[in-house]
Amino acid sequence: MGFFMKKNVKNLNMEKAYEELKKDKDIVLIDVRNADEYKGGHIRKSINVPLSNIAALPGIVPDKEAHIFVYCLSGARSARACDALDKMGYKDLTNIGGIMSWTHELEK
């Protein structure tokens, strides 16, 4: 594990994330883009919690042990969100990067 790696944050590419989401129905999928971006198309079953509002996540997902996947447009905001969630005490975080890499159907 690198010096800058957060111990509770993993990275996974979108294709592997798609496979994991199909297998594990308990994964909580968080989209940290803004509401307009989310309305334009998002991954099915994702919850929109904009990065600017990430401090509200404990009210939405109180279980700090929940398996959480986080994504945004390109991967930068999801990395910042994972960092913030790690500091809040969440134990199982996965940054799946940007929706630009998602090759499957989007919900609108």
Protein backbone atom coordinates (compact mmCIF):
# COMPACT_ATOMS: atom_id res chain seq x y z
CA MET A 1 0.00 0.00 0.00
CA GLY A 2 1.46 3.32 -1.08
CA PHE A 3 2.13 6.16 1.32
CA PHE A 4 -0.76 8.22 -0.07
CA MET A 5 -3.29 5.39 -0.19
CA LYS A 6 -6.18 5.61 2.21
CA LYS A 7 -6.53 2.32 4.05
CA ASN A 8 -10.30 2.10 3.55
CA VAL A 9 -10.37 3.22 -0.10
CA LYS A 10 -9.95 0.88 -3.05
CA ASN A 11 -10.01 1.69 -6.76
CA LEU A 12 -11.87 -0.36 -9.34
CA ASN A 13 -12.44 0.27 -13.02
CA MET A 14 -15.99 0.67 -14.31
CA GLU A 15 -16.14 -2.72 -16.04
CA LYS A 16 -15.12 -4.58 -12.86
CA ALA A 17 -17.51 -2.35 -10.88
CA TYR A 18 -20.33 -3.35 -13.25
CA GLU A 19 -19.61 -7.04 -12.56
CA GLU A 20 -19.46 -6.46 -8.78
CA LEU A 21 -22.75 -4.50 -8.85
CA LYS A 22 -24.43 -7.39 -10.68
CA LYS A 23 -23.18 -9.90 -8.08
CA ASP A 24 -23.58 -7.93 -4.84
CA LYS A 25 -26.97 -6.25 -4.41
CA ASP A 26 -25.86 -4.75 -1.07
CA ILE A 27 -23.36 -2.33 -2.62
CA VAL A 28 -24.41 1.29 -2.03
CA LEU A 29 -23.71 3.28 -5.20
CA ILE A 30 -23.11 7.01 -4.71
CA ASP A 31 -23.00 9.54 -7.57
CA VAL A 32 -21.23 12.70 -6.35
CA ARG A 33 -21.98 14.83 -9.42
CA ASN A 34 -24.39 17.75 -9.15
CA ALA A 35 -28.15 17.23 -9.51
CA ASP A 36 -28.29 18.45 -13.12
CA GLU A 37 -25.51 16.06 -14.15
CA TYR A 38 -27.32 13.23 -12.35
CA LYS A 39 -30.62 14.01 -14.13
CA GLY A 40 -28.77 13.87 -17.45
CA GLY A 41 -28.01 10.19 -16.91
CA HIS A 42 -26.81 8.04 -14.02
CA ILE A 43 -26.05 4.45 -13.16
CA ARG A 44 -29.15 2.53 -12.12
CA LYS A 45 -29.75 2.38 -8.34
CA SER A 46 -27.23 5.14 -7.64
CA ILE A 47 -27.96 7.75 -4.99
CA ASN A 48 -27.12 11.34 -5.86
CA VAL A 49 -25.11 13.00 -3.08
CA PRO A 50 -23.20 15.90 -4.67
CA LEU A 51 -19.62 16.29 -3.44
CA SER A 52 -20.59 19.68 -1.98
CA ASN A 53 -23.11 17.84 0.21
CA ILE A 54 -21.03 14.73 1.05
CA ALA A 55 -21.20 15.54 4.79
CA ALA A 56 -24.90 14.53 4.60
CA LEU A 57 -24.07 10.91 3.73
CA PRO A 58 -24.25 9.61 7.34
CA GLY A 59 -27.93 10.62 7.33
CA ILE A 60 -28.47 8.64 4.10
CA VAL A 61 -26.10 5.70 4.75
CA PRO A 62 -25.63 5.47 8.53
CA ASP A 63 -23.82 2.09 8.37
CA LYS A 64 -20.08 2.89 8.39
CA GLU A 65 -19.42 -0.76 7.39
CA ALA A 66 -21.55 -0.51 4.21
CA HIS A 67 -19.85 -1.47 0.95
CA ILE A 68 -19.88 1.87 -0.91
CA PHE A 69 -18.97 2.52 -4.55
CA VAL A 70 -18.47 6.19 -5.47
CA TYR A 71 -18.37 7.73 -8.95
CA CYS A 72 -18.52 11.12 -10.66
CA LEU A 73 -17.85 12.35 -14.21
CA SER A 74 -14.10 11.75 -14.56
CA GLY A 75 -12.97 10.34 -11.20
CA ALA A 76 -11.62 13.49 -9.50
CA ARG A 77 -14.68 14.29 -7.37
CA SER A 78 -15.19 10.63 -6.46
CA ALA A 79 -11.60 10.49 -5.18
CA ARG A 80 -12.22 13.59 -3.03
CA ALA A 81 -15.52 12.13 -1.80
CA CYS A 82 -13.81 8.85 -0.83
CA ASP A 83 -11.17 10.81 1.06
CA ALA A 84 -13.89 12.72 2.95
CA LEU A 85 -15.87 9.53 3.67
CA ASP A 86 -12.70 7.79 4.88
CA LYS A 87 -12.18 10.66 7.34
CA MET A 88 -15.84 10.28 8.46
CA GLY A 89 -15.11 6.68 9.44
CA TYR A 90 -16.52 4.69 6.52
CA LYS A 91 -14.62 1.40 6.30
CA ASP A 92 -15.37 -0.07 2.83
CA LEU A 93 -15.02 2.55 0.09
CA THR A 94 -14.36 1.96 -3.60
CA ASN A 95 -13.72 4.74 -6.09
CA ILE A 96 -15.03 3.43 -9.41
CA GLY A 97 -14.01 6.60 -11.24
CA GLY A 98 -15.91 8.50 -13.89
CA ILE A 99 -19.19 7.74 -15.58
CA MET A 100 -17.48 8.67 -18.87
CA SER A 101 -15.96 5.15 -18.72
CA TRP A 102 -19.33 3.43 -18.11
CA THR A 103 -20.28 1.45 -21.23
CA HIS A 104 -23.67 0.21 -20.01
CA GLU A 105 -27.13 1.68 -20.01
CA LEU A 106 -27.81 4.84 -18.03
CA GLU A 107 -31.02 5.78 -16.28
CA LYS A 108 -32.54 9.24 -16.75
